[in-house]
Protein backbone atom coordinates (compact mmCIF):
# COMPACT_ATOMS: atom_id res chain seq x y z
CA UNK A 1 -7.65 -57.94 -7.88
CA UNK A 2 -10.30 -55.94 -6.47
CA UNK A 3 -8.42 -56.05 -2.87
CA UNK A 4 -5.02 -54.65 -4.94
CA UNK A 5 -7.13 -51.19 -5.97
CA UNK A 6 -8.70 -50.90 -2.47
CA UNK A 7 -5.17 -50.98 -0.95
CA UNK A 8 -3.48 -48.93 -4.15
CA UNK A 9 -6.61 -46.22 -3.69
CA UNK A 10 -5.54 -46.46 0.47
CA UNK A 11 -2.19 -45.48 -0.08
CA UNK A 12 -3.06 -42.55 -2.38
CA UNK A 13 -5.88 -40.92 0.44
CA UNK A 14 -3.50 -42.01 3.62
CA UNK A 15 -0.14 -41.90 2.11
CA UNK A 16 0.83 -39.97 -0.72
CA UNK A 17 -2.46 -37.61 0.47
CA UNK A 18 -4.03 -37.44 -3.32
CA UNK A 19 -7.02 -35.89 -4.11
CA UNK A 20 -10.47 -37.94 -3.91
CA UNK A 21 -10.62 -37.45 -7.51
CA UNK A 22 -6.96 -38.49 -8.31
CA UNK A 23 -7.78 -41.49 -6.46
CA UNK A 24 -11.20 -42.07 -7.85
CA UNK A 25 -9.21 -41.95 -11.60
CA UNK A 26 -6.41 -44.32 -10.48
CA UNK A 27 -9.18 -46.72 -8.97
CA UNK A 28 -11.52 -46.74 -12.51
CA UNK A 29 -8.15 -47.40 -14.47
CA UNK A 30 -7.25 -50.15 -12.69
CA UNK A 31 -11.02 -51.49 -13.01
CA UNK A 32 -10.89 -51.25 -16.36
CA UNK A 33 -7.50 -52.94 -16.86
CA UNK A 34 -8.77 -55.96 -14.40
CA UNK A 35 -11.60 -56.00 -17.03
CA UNK A 36 -9.00 -56.12 -20.20
CA UNK A 37 -6.98 -58.95 -17.71
CA UNK A 38 -10.31 -60.81 -17.45
CA UNK A 39 -11.63 -61.07 -21.05
CA UNK A 40 -7.80 -62.18 -21.89
CA UNK A 41 -8.11 -65.05 -19.47
CA UNK A 42 -5.48 -63.70 -17.53
CA UNK A 43 -4.74 -63.33 -13.81
CA UNK A 44 -3.08 -59.76 -12.69
CA UNK A 45 0.06 -61.38 -11.24
CA UNK A 46 1.25 -63.02 -14.23
CA UNK A 47 1.31 -60.03 -16.17
CA UNK A 48 4.32 -60.26 -18.50
CA UNK A 49 5.87 -57.33 -21.01
CA UNK A 50 3.77 -58.64 -24.10
CA UNK A 51 0.51 -58.67 -22.55
CA UNK A 52 0.93 -54.91 -21.09
CA UNK A 53 2.08 -53.96 -24.57
CA UNK A 54 -1.37 -55.50 -25.70
CA UNK A 55 -3.15 -53.50 -22.91
CA UNK A 56 -1.52 -50.56 -24.27
CA UNK A 57 -1.71 -51.14 -28.09
CA UNK A 58 -6.31 -51.61 -27.06
CA UNK A 59 -6.12 -48.30 -25.11
CA UNK A 60 -4.73 -46.54 -28.20
CA UNK A 61 -7.49 -48.31 -30.52
CA UNK A 62 -10.25 -46.47 -27.72
CA UNK A 63 -8.66 -43.50 -28.10
CA UNK A 64 -5.77 -42.90 -26.02
CA UNK A 65 -2.60 -41.27 -26.46
CA UNK A 66 0.78 -42.12 -24.98
CA UNK A 67 2.70 -39.41 -23.70
């Protein structure tokens, strides 16, 4: 998935002109998501709503709050 993350970071930088700090934050969040998927033996390209909800629950356990 790293190529997807790098492509997305380029898009944020070049097309949307996001700050380097914002781009880095997005990249770190995506890498954390990628790690979660690997631990669950899931592919980024085959994620369904169920797995997305599992990740949301994982983030809540880690202390993140949803808005």
